Amino acid sequence: MPGTERAVRRSVTLPPRAAERVRTLAQAGHTTASRVLAELIDLGLESKENEKKRFMALADRLAQAKSPASRARLKEELARLTFGD
């Protein structure tokens, strides 16, 4: 977390299994559960943004694709990205 920003305190309730996994990660990393949660949230937000960028790049490629085979392949890839396997 950048030093110029002030941290915001939030309270969350975790399911027991998730709480145990966070505790295990914290112990293994010699850090706190709060730090683990903050890192996981940052990674999740970054992952979501990257997913959006990938989707938009695929949509651009689909719009520019000329061959029906390329269009079909890109549509399949977009469907997997959107709906999973």
PDB file of N, CA and C in Angstrom:
ATOM      1  N   MET A   1       0.847  -1.181   0.000  1.00  0.00           N
ATOM      2  CA  MET A   1       0.000   0.000   0.000  1.00  0.00           C
ATOM      3  C   MET A   1       0.892   1.243   0.000  1.00  0.00           C
ATOM      4  N   PRO A   2       0.620   2.165  -0.904  1.00  0.00           N
ATOM      5  CA  PRO A   2       1.433   3.373  -0.968  1.00  0.00           C
ATOM      6  C   PRO A   2       1.381   4.154   0.345  1.00  0.00           C
ATOM      7  N   GLY A   3       2.493   4.743   0.702  1.00  0.00           N
ATOM      8  CA  GLY A   3       2.602   5.468   1.961  1.00  0.00           C
ATOM      9  C   GLY A   3       1.815   6.764   2.002  1.00  0.00           C
ATOM     10  N   THR A   4       1.470   7.342   0.849  1.00  0.00           N
ATOM     11  CA  THR A   4       0.768   8.623   0.830  1.00  0.00           C
ATOM     12  C   THR A   4      -0.731   8.480   1.042  1.00  0.00           C
ATOM     13  N   GLU A   5      -1.247   7.276   0.879  1.00  0.00           N
ATOM     14  CA  GLU A   5      -2.677   7.063   1.071  1.00  0.00           C
ATOM     15  C   GLU A   5      -2.953   6.619   2.499  1.00  0.00           C
ATOM     16  N   ARG A   6      -4.075   7.066   3.022  1.00  0.00           N
ATOM     17  CA  ARG A   6      -4.483   6.626   4.351  1.00  0.00           C
ATOM     18  C   ARG A   6      -5.266   5.333   4.239  1.00  0.00           C
ATOM     19  N   ALA A   7      -4.966   4.427   5.115  1.00  0.00           N
ATOM     20  CA  ALA A   7      -5.687   3.152   5.127  1.00  0.00           C
ATOM     21  C   ALA A   7      -7.112   3.378   5.620  1.00  0.00           C
ATOM     22  N   VAL A   8      -8.031   2.595   5.104  1.00  0.00           N
ATOM     23  CA  VAL A   8      -9.433   2.661   5.503  1.00  0.00           C
ATOM     24  C   VAL A   8      -9.764   1.350   6.203  1.00  0.00           C
ATOM     25  N   ARG A   9     -10.288   1.434   7.383  1.00  0.00           N
ATOM     26  CA  ARG A   9     -10.615   0.238   8.160  1.00  0.00           C
ATOM     27  C   ARG A   9     -11.998  -0.256   7.760  1.00  0.00           C
ATOM     28  N   ARG A  10     -12.087  -1.550   7.470  1.00  0.00           N
ATOM     29  CA  ARG A  10     -13.350  -2.182   7.124  1.00  0.00           C
ATOM     30  C   ARG A  10     -13.477  -3.464   7.925  1.00  0.00           C
ATOM     31  N   SER A  11     -14.692  -3.873   8.138  1.00  0.00           N
ATOM     32  CA  SER A  11     -14.948  -5.106   8.849  1.00  0.00           C
ATOM     33  C   SER A  11     -15.611  -6.079   7.880  1.00  0.00           C
ATOM     34  N   VAL A  12     -15.096  -7.289   7.817  1.00  0.00           N
ATOM     35  CA  VAL A  12     -15.697  -8.308   6.964  1.00  0.00           C
ATOM     36  C   VAL A  12     -15.882  -9.587   7.771  1.00  0.00           C
ATOM     37  N   THR A  13     -16.867 -10.346   7.389  1.00  0.00           N
ATOM     38  CA  THR A  13     -17.094 -11.646   8.000  1.00  0.00           C
ATOM     39  C   THR A  13     -16.744 -12.695   6.955  1.00  0.00           C
ATOM     40  N   LEU A  14     -15.843 -13.600   7.322  1.00  0.00           N
ATOM     41  CA  LEU A  14     -15.403 -14.642   6.400  1.00  0.00           C
ATOM     42  C   LEU A  14     -16.005 -15.981   6.792  1.00  0.00           C
ATOM     43  N   PRO A  15     -16.288 -16.796   5.805  1.00  0.00           N
ATOM     44  CA  PRO A  15     -16.694 -18.160   6.132  1.00  0.00           C
ATOM     45  C   PRO A  15     -15.525 -18.855   6.845  1.00  0.00           C
ATOM     46  N   PRO A  16     -15.808 -19.810   7.710  1.00  0.00           N
ATOM     47  CA  PRO A  16     -14.737 -20.458   8.476  1.00  0.00           C
ATOM     48  C   PRO A  16     -13.597 -21.008   7.617  1.00  0.00           C
ATOM     49  N   ARG A  17     -13.927 -21.623   6.501  1.00  0.00           N
ATOM     50  CA  ARG A  17     -12.868 -22.196   5.659  1.00  0.00           C
ATOM     51  C   ARG A  17     -11.957 -21.107   5.104  1.00  0.00           C
ATOM     52  N   ALA A  18     -12.534 -20.009   4.649  1.00  0.00           N
ATOM     53  CA  ALA A  18     -11.737 -18.903   4.118  1.00  0.00           C
ATOM     54  C   ALA A  18     -10.884 -18.283   5.214  1.00  0.00           C
ATOM     55  N   ALA A  19     -11.461 -18.118   6.394  1.00  0.00           N
ATOM     56  CA  ALA A  19     -10.714 -17.543   7.517  1.00  0.00           C
ATOM     57  C   ALA A  19      -9.518 -18.417   7.871  1.00  0.00           C
ATOM     58  N   GLU A  20      -9.703 -19.722   7.834  1.00  0.00           N
ATOM     59  CA  GLU A  20      -8.604 -20.649   8.138  1.00  0.00           C
ATOM     60  C   GLU A  20      -7.515 -20.564   7.075  1.00  0.00           C
ATOM     61  N   ARG A  21      -7.912 -20.450   5.841  1.00  0.00           N
ATOM     62  CA  ARG A  21      -6.919 -20.330   4.759  1.00  0.00           C
ATOM     63  C   ARG A  21      -6.128 -19.035   4.883  1.00  0.00           C
ATOM     64  N   VAL A  22      -6.809 -17.951   5.237  1.00  0.00           N
ATOM     65  CA  VAL A  22      -6.125 -16.665   5.421  1.00  0.00           C
ATOM     66  C   VAL A  22      -5.144 -16.772   6.582  1.00  0.00           C
ATOM     67  N   ARG A  23      -5.577 -17.387   7.687  1.00  0.00           N
ATOM     68  CA  ARG A  23      -4.706 -17.548   8.852  1.00  0.00           C
ATOM     69  C   ARG A  23      -3.473 -18.374   8.493  1.00  0.00           C
ATOM     70  N   THR A  24      -3.681 -19.441   7.730  1.00  0.00           N
ATOM     71  CA  THR A  24      -2.567 -20.298   7.309  1.00  0.00           C
ATOM     72  C   THR A  24      -1.584 -19.529   6.432  1.00  0.00           C
ATOM     73  N   LEU A  25      -2.109 -18.745   5.496  1.00  0.00           N
ATOM     74  CA  LEU A  25      -1.241 -17.925   4.649  1.00  0.00           C
ATOM     75  C   LEU A  25      -0.464 -16.903   5.473  1.00  0.00           C
ATOM     76  N   ALA A  26      -1.132 -16.304   6.435  1.00  0.00           N
ATOM     77  CA  ALA A  26      -0.473 -15.306   7.281  1.00  0.00           C
ATOM     78  C   ALA A  26       0.663 -15.950   8.077  1.00  0.00           C
ATOM     79  N   GLN A  27       0.400 -17.101   8.650  1.00  0.00           N
ATOM     80  CA  GLN A  27       1.444 -17.781   9.422  1.00  0.00           C
ATOM     81  C   GLN A  27       2.614 -18.177   8.527  1.00  0.00           C
ATOM     82  N   ALA A  28       2.310 -18.714   7.361  1.00  0.00           N
ATOM     83  CA  ALA A  28       3.366 -19.146   6.446  1.00  0.00           C
ATOM     84  C   ALA A  28       4.206 -17.973   5.961  1.00  0.00           C
ATOM     85  N   GLY A  29       3.579 -16.826   5.802  1.00  0.00           N
ATOM     86  CA  GLY A  29       4.284 -15.636   5.328  1.00  0.00           C
ATOM     87  C   GLY A  29       4.813 -14.749   6.436  1.00  0.00           C
ATOM     88  N   HIS A  30       4.645 -15.186   7.676  1.00  0.00           N
ATOM     89  CA  HIS A  30       5.092 -14.404   8.843  1.00  0.00           C
ATOM     90  C   HIS A  30       4.558 -12.976   8.795  1.00  0.00           C
ATOM     91  N   THR A  31       3.253 -12.891   8.570  1.00  0.00           N
ATOM     92  CA  THR A  31       2.601 -11.586   8.497  1.00  0.00           C
ATOM     93  C   THR A  31       1.239 -11.685   9.188  1.00  0.00           C
ATOM     94  N   THR A  32       0.447 -10.667   9.054  1.00  0.00           N
ATOM     95  CA  THR A  32      -0.869 -10.653   9.698  1.00  0.00           C
ATOM     96  C   THR A  32      -1.958 -11.059   8.718  1.00  0.00           C
ATOM     97  N   ALA A  33      -3.078 -11.487   9.280  1.00  0.00           N
ATOM     98  CA  ALA A  33      -4.233 -11.826   8.449  1.00  0.00           C
ATOM     99  C   ALA A  33      -4.721 -10.583   7.692  1.00  0.00           C
ATOM    100  N   SER A  34      -4.640  -9.430   8.325  1.00  0.00           N
ATOM    101  CA  SER A  34      -5.061  -8.186   7.653  1.00  0.00           C
ATOM    102  C   SER A  34      -4.208  -7.914   6.425  1.00  0.00           C
ATOM    103  N   ARG A  35      -2.912  -8.144   6.540  1.00  0.00           N
ATOM    104  CA  ARG A  35      -2.012  -7.927   5.403  1.00  0.00           C
ATOM    105  C   ARG A  35      -2.344  -8.918   4.280  1.00  0.00           C
ATOM    106  N   VAL A  36      -2.585 -10.169   4.640  1.00  0.00           N
ATOM    107  CA  VAL A  36      -2.943 -11.182   3.643  1.00  0.00           C
ATOM    108  C   VAL A  36      -4.236 -10.780   2.929  1.00  0.00           C
ATOM    109  N   LEU A  37      -5.239 -10.365   3.686  1.00  0.00           N
ATOM    110  CA  LEU A  37      -6.511  -9.951   3.079  1.00  0.00           C
ATOM    111  C   LEU A  37      -6.310  -8.762   2.137  1.00  0.00           C
ATOM    112  N   ALA A  38      -5.517  -7.783   2.552  1.00  0.00           N
ATOM    113  CA  ALA A  38      -5.264  -6.611   1.714  1.00  0.00           C
ATOM    114  C   ALA A  38      -4.569  -7.024   0.418  1.00  0.00           C
ATOM    115  N   GLU A  39      -3.586  -7.925   0.513  1.00  0.00           N
ATOM    116  CA  GLU A  39      -2.880  -8.387  -0.680  1.00  0.00           C
ATOM    117  C   GLU A  39      -3.809  -9.176  -1.599  1.00  0.00           C
ATOM    118  N   LEU A  40      -4.650 -10.028  -1.015  1.00  0.00           N
ATOM    119  CA  LEU A  40      -5.593 -10.805  -1.824  1.00  0.00           C
ATOM    120  C   LEU A  40      -6.592  -9.893  -2.534  1.00  0.00           C
ATOM    121  N   ILE A  41      -7.048  -8.869  -1.855  1.00  0.00           N
ATOM    122  CA  ILE A  41      -7.982  -7.922  -2.468  1.00  0.00           C
ATOM    123  C   ILE A  41      -7.296  -7.180  -3.604  1.00  0.00           C
ATOM    124  N   ASP A  42      -6.066  -6.712  -3.380  1.00  0.00           N
ATOM    125  CA  ASP A  42      -5.326  -6.028  -4.444  1.00  0.00           C
ATOM    126  C   ASP A  42      -5.147  -6.934  -5.655  1.00  0.00           C
ATOM    127  N   LEU A  43      -4.765  -8.191  -5.415  1.00  0.00           N
ATOM    128  CA  LEU A  43      -4.586  -9.142  -6.513  1.00  0.00           C
ATOM    129  C   LEU A  43      -5.899  -9.390  -7.249  1.00  0.00           C
ATOM    130  N   GLY A  44      -6.995  -9.505  -6.504  1.00  0.00           N
ATOM    131  CA  GLY A  44      -8.299  -9.723  -7.119  1.00  0.00           C
ATOM    132  C   GLY A  44      -8.730  -8.549  -7.970  1.00  0.00           C
ATOM    133  N   LEU A  45      -8.514  -7.338  -7.481  1.00  0.00           N
ATOM    134  CA  LEU A  45      -8.878  -6.148  -8.244  1.00  0.00           C
ATOM    135  C   LEU A  45      -8.039  -6.035  -9.513  1.00  0.00           C
ATOM    136  N   GLU A  46      -6.751  -6.317  -9.389  1.00  0.00           N
ATOM    137  CA  GLU A  46      -5.856  -6.280 -10.548  1.00  0.00           C
ATOM    138  C   GLU A  46      -6.263  -7.347 -11.571  1.00  0.00           C
ATOM    139  N   SER A  47      -6.601  -8.518 -11.086  1.00  0.00           N
ATOM    140  CA  SER A  47      -7.024  -9.608 -11.959  1.00  0.00           C
ATOM    141  C   SER A  47      -8.302  -9.234 -12.710  1.00  0.00           C
ATOM    142  N   LYS A  48      -9.228  -8.618 -12.014  1.00  0.00           N
ATOM    143  CA  LYS A  48     -10.492  -8.208 -12.637  1.00  0.00           C
ATOM    144  C   LYS A  48     -10.235  -7.175 -13.736  1.00  0.00           C
ATOM    145  N   GLU A  49      -9.351  -6.240 -13.481  1.00  0.00           N
ATOM    146  CA  GLU A  49      -9.017  -5.215 -14.478  1.00  0.00           C
ATOM    147  C   GLU A  49      -8.337  -5.854 -15.696  1.00  0.00           C
ATOM    148  N   ASN A  50      -7.424  -6.789 -15.452  1.00  0.00           N
ATOM    149  CA  ASN A  50      -6.756  -7.479 -16.557  1.00  0.00           C
ATOM    150  C   ASN A  50      -7.747  -8.293 -17.385  1.00  0.00           C
ATOM    151  N   GLU A  51      -8.718  -8.900 -16.719  1.00  0.00           N
ATOM    152  CA  GLU A  51      -9.756  -9.664 -17.412  1.00  0.00           C
ATOM    153  C   GLU A  51     -10.565  -8.748 -18.331  1.00  0.00           C
ATOM    154  N   LYS A  52     -10.883  -7.562 -17.852  1.00  0.00           N
ATOM    155  CA  LYS A  52     -11.629  -6.592 -18.654  1.00  0.00           C
ATOM    156  C   LYS A  52     -10.809  -6.165 -19.869  1.00  0.00           C
ATOM    157  N   LYS A  53      -9.519  -5.906 -19.666  1.00  0.00           N
ATOM    158  CA  LYS A  53      -8.654  -5.506 -20.779  1.00  0.00           C
ATOM    159  C   LYS A  53      -8.558  -6.623 -21.821  1.00  0.00           C
ATOM    160  N   ARG A  54      -8.438  -7.853 -21.349  1.00  0.00           N
ATOM    161  CA  ARG A  54      -8.358  -8.991 -22.270  1.00  0.00           C
ATOM    162  C   ARG A  54      -9.657  -9.118 -23.070  1.00  0.00           C
ATOM    163  N   PHE A  55     -10.783  -8.958 -22.398  1.00  0.00           N
ATOM    164  CA  PHE A  55     -12.076  -9.019 -23.087  1.00  0.00           C
ATOM    165  C   PHE A  55     -12.155  -7.957 -24.177  1.00  0.00           C
ATOM    166  N   MET A  56     -11.783  -6.729 -23.842  1.00  0.00           N
ATOM    167  CA  MET A  56     -11.872  -5.635 -24.808  1.00  0.00           C
ATOM    168  C   MET A  56     -10.933  -5.867 -25.989  1.00  0.00           C
ATOM    169  N   ALA A  57      -9.743  -6.393 -25.740  1.00  0.00           N
ATOM    170  CA  ALA A  57      -8.807  -6.691 -26.826  1.00  0.00           C
ATOM    171  C   ALA A  57      -9.380  -7.769 -27.747  1.00  0.00           C
ATOM    172  N   LEU A  58      -9.988  -8.801 -27.156  1.00  0.00           N
ATOM    173  CA  LEU A  58     -10.610  -9.847 -27.972  1.00  0.00           C
ATOM    174  C   LEU A  58     -11.782  -9.292 -28.780  1.00  0.00           C
ATOM    175  N   ALA A  59     -12.572  -8.428 -28.167  1.00  0.00           N
ATOM    176  CA  ALA A  59     -13.705  -7.824 -28.880  1.00  0.00           C
ATOM    177  C   ALA A  59     -13.206  -6.986 -30.054  1.00  0.00           C
ATOM    178  N   ASP A  60     -12.120  -6.252 -29.873  1.00  0.00           N
ATOM    179  CA  ASP A  60     -11.537  -5.474 -30.970  1.00  0.00           C
ATOM    180  C   ASP A  60     -11.059  -6.390 -32.092  1.00  0.00           C
ATOM    181  N   ARG A  61     -10.394  -7.492 -31.710  1.00  0.00           N
ATOM    182  CA  ARG A  61      -9.923  -8.447 -32.717  1.00  0.00           C
ATOM    183  C   ARG A  61     -11.097  -9.063 -33.470  1.00  0.00           C
ATOM    184  N   LEU A  62     -12.177  -9.359 -32.751  1.00  0.00           N
ATOM    185  CA  LEU A  62     -13.368  -9.929 -33.398  1.00  0.00           C
ATOM    186  C   LEU A  62     -13.952  -8.939 -34.406  1.00  0.00           C
ATOM    187  N   ALA A  63     -14.020  -7.681 -34.029  1.00  0.00           N
ATOM    188  CA  ALA A  63     -14.580  -6.664 -34.932  1.00  0.00           C
ATOM    189  C   ALA A  63     -13.737  -6.516 -36.191  1.00  0.00           C
ATOM    190  N   GLN A  64     -12.435  -6.779 -36.100  1.00  0.00           N
ATOM    191  CA  GLN A  64     -11.542  -6.616 -37.248  1.00  0.00           C
ATOM    192  C   GLN A  64     -11.312  -7.911 -38.020  1.00  0.00           C
ATOM    193  N   ALA A  65     -11.744  -9.039 -37.479  1.00  0.00           N
ATOM    194  CA  ALA A  65     -11.503 -10.332 -38.123  1.00  0.00           C
ATOM    195  C   ALA A  65     -12.262 -10.436 -39.439  1.00  0.00           C
ATOM    196  N   LYS A  66     -11.588 -10.950 -40.437  1.00  0.00           N
ATOM    197  CA  LYS A  66     -12.194 -11.069 -41.771  1.00  0.00           C
ATOM    198  C   LYS A  66     -12.728 -12.472 -42.032  1.00  0.00           C
ATOM    199  N   SER A  67     -11.956 -13.478 -41.666  1.00  0.00           N
ATOM    200  CA  SER A  67     -12.356 -14.844 -42.024  1.00  0.00           C
ATOM    201  C   SER A  67     -13.384 -15.398 -41.038  1.00  0.00           C
ATOM    202  N   PRO A  68     -14.325 -16.171 -41.546  1.00  0.00           N
ATOM    203  CA  PRO A  68     -15.321 -16.791 -40.669  1.00  0.00           C
ATOM    204  C   PRO A  68     -14.681 -17.696 -39.603  1.00  0.00           C
ATOM    205  N   ALA A  69     -13.596 -18.381 -39.949  1.00  0.00           N
ATOM    206  CA  ALA A  69     -12.921 -19.262 -38.983  1.00  0.00           C
ATOM    207  C   ALA A  69     -12.339 -18.449 -37.826  1.00  0.00           C
ATOM    208  N   SER A  70     -11.717 -17.321 -38.153  1.00  0.00           N
ATOM    209  CA  SER A  70     -11.153 -16.444 -37.106  1.00  0.00           C
ATOM    210  C   SER A  70     -12.255 -15.882 -36.223  1.00  0.00           C
ATOM    211  N   ARG A  71     -13.349 -15.474 -36.850  1.00  0.00           N
ATOM    212  CA  ARG A  71     -14.465 -14.919 -36.089  1.00  0.00           C
ATOM    213  C   ARG A  71     -15.053 -15.975 -35.145  1.00  0.00           C
ATOM    214  N   ALA A  72     -15.201 -17.196 -35.637  1.00  0.00           N
ATOM    215  CA  ALA A  72     -15.749 -18.275 -34.809  1.00  0.00           C
ATOM    216  C   ALA A  72     -14.818 -18.575 -33.628  1.00  0.00           C
ATOM    217  N   ARG A  73     -13.515 -18.621 -33.892  1.00  0.00           N
ATOM    218  CA  ARG A  73     -12.550 -18.892 -32.825  1.00  0.00           C
ATOM    219  C   ARG A  73     -12.576 -17.787 -31.768  1.00  0.00           C
ATOM    220  N   LEU A  74     -12.620 -16.543 -32.202  1.00  0.00           N
ATOM    221  CA  LEU A  74     -12.656 -15.414 -31.267  1.00  0.00           C
ATOM    222  C   LEU A  74     -13.959 -15.396 -30.471  1.00  0.00           C
ATOM    223  N   LYS A  75     -15.058 -15.746 -31.101  1.00  0.00           N
ATOM    224  CA  LYS A  75     -16.340 -15.827 -30.383  1.00  0.00           C
ATOM    225  C   LYS A  75     -16.266 -16.888 -29.295  1.00  0.00           C
ATOM    226  N   GLU A  76     -15.675 -18.032 -29.613  1.00  0.00           N
ATOM    227  CA  GLU A  76     -15.506 -19.105 -28.616  1.00  0.00           C
ATOM    228  C   GLU A  76     -14.655 -18.627 -27.448  1.00  0.00           C
ATOM    229  N   GLU A  77     -13.579 -17.919 -27.762  1.00  0.00           N
ATOM    230  CA  GLU A  77     -12.686 -17.422 -26.711  1.00  0.00           C
ATOM    231  C   GLU A  77     -13.400 -16.395 -25.823  1.00  0.00           C
ATOM    232  N   LEU A  78     -14.182 -15.521 -26.440  1.00  0.00           N
ATOM    233  CA  LEU A  78     -14.960 -14.553 -25.666  1.00  0.00           C
ATOM    234  C   LEU A  78     -15.998 -15.255 -24.785  1.00  0.00           C
ATOM    235  N   ALA A  79     -16.624 -16.279 -25.319  1.00  0.00           N
ATOM    236  CA  ALA A  79     -17.616 -17.024 -24.536  1.00  0.00           C
ATOM    237  C   ALA A  79     -16.947 -17.694 -23.333  1.00  0.00           C
ATOM    238  N   ARG A  80     -15.781 -18.298 -23.536  1.00  0.00           N
ATOM    239  CA  ARG A  80     -15.066 -18.937 -22.413  1.00  0.00           C
ATOM    240  C   ARG A  80     -14.662 -17.904 -21.368  1.00  0.00           C
ATOM    241  N   LEU A  81     -14.194 -16.745 -21.828  1.00  0.00           N
ATOM    242  CA  LEU A  81     -13.794 -15.692 -20.905  1.00  0.00           C
ATOM    243  C   LEU A  81     -14.993 -15.185 -20.097  1.00  0.00           C
ATOM    244  N   THR A  82     -16.133 -15.091 -20.754  1.00  0.00           N
ATOM    245  CA  THR A  82     -17.339 -14.559 -20.126  1.00  0.00           C
ATOM    246  C   THR A  82     -18.035 -15.581 -19.229  1.00  0.00           C
ATOM    247  N   PHE A  83     -18.176 -16.810 -19.738  1.00  0.00           N
ATOM    248  CA  PHE A  83     -18.992 -17.810 -19.051  1.00  0.00           C
ATOM    249  C   PHE A  83     -18.180 -18.961 -18.447  1.00  0.00           C
ATOM    250  N   GLY A  84     -16.904 -19.001 -18.704  1.00  0.00           N
ATOM    251  CA  GLY A  84     -16.088 -20.113 -18.218  1.00  0.00           C
ATOM    252  C   GLY A  84     -16.107 -21.256 -19.211  1.00  0.00           C
ATOM    253  N   ASP A  85     -15.462 -22.349 -18.840  1.00  0.00           N
ATOM    254  CA  ASP A  85     -15.363 -23.493 -19.755  1.00  0.00           C
ATOM    255  C   ASP A  85     -16.636 -24.173 -19.881  1.00  0.00           C
TER     256      ASP A  85
END
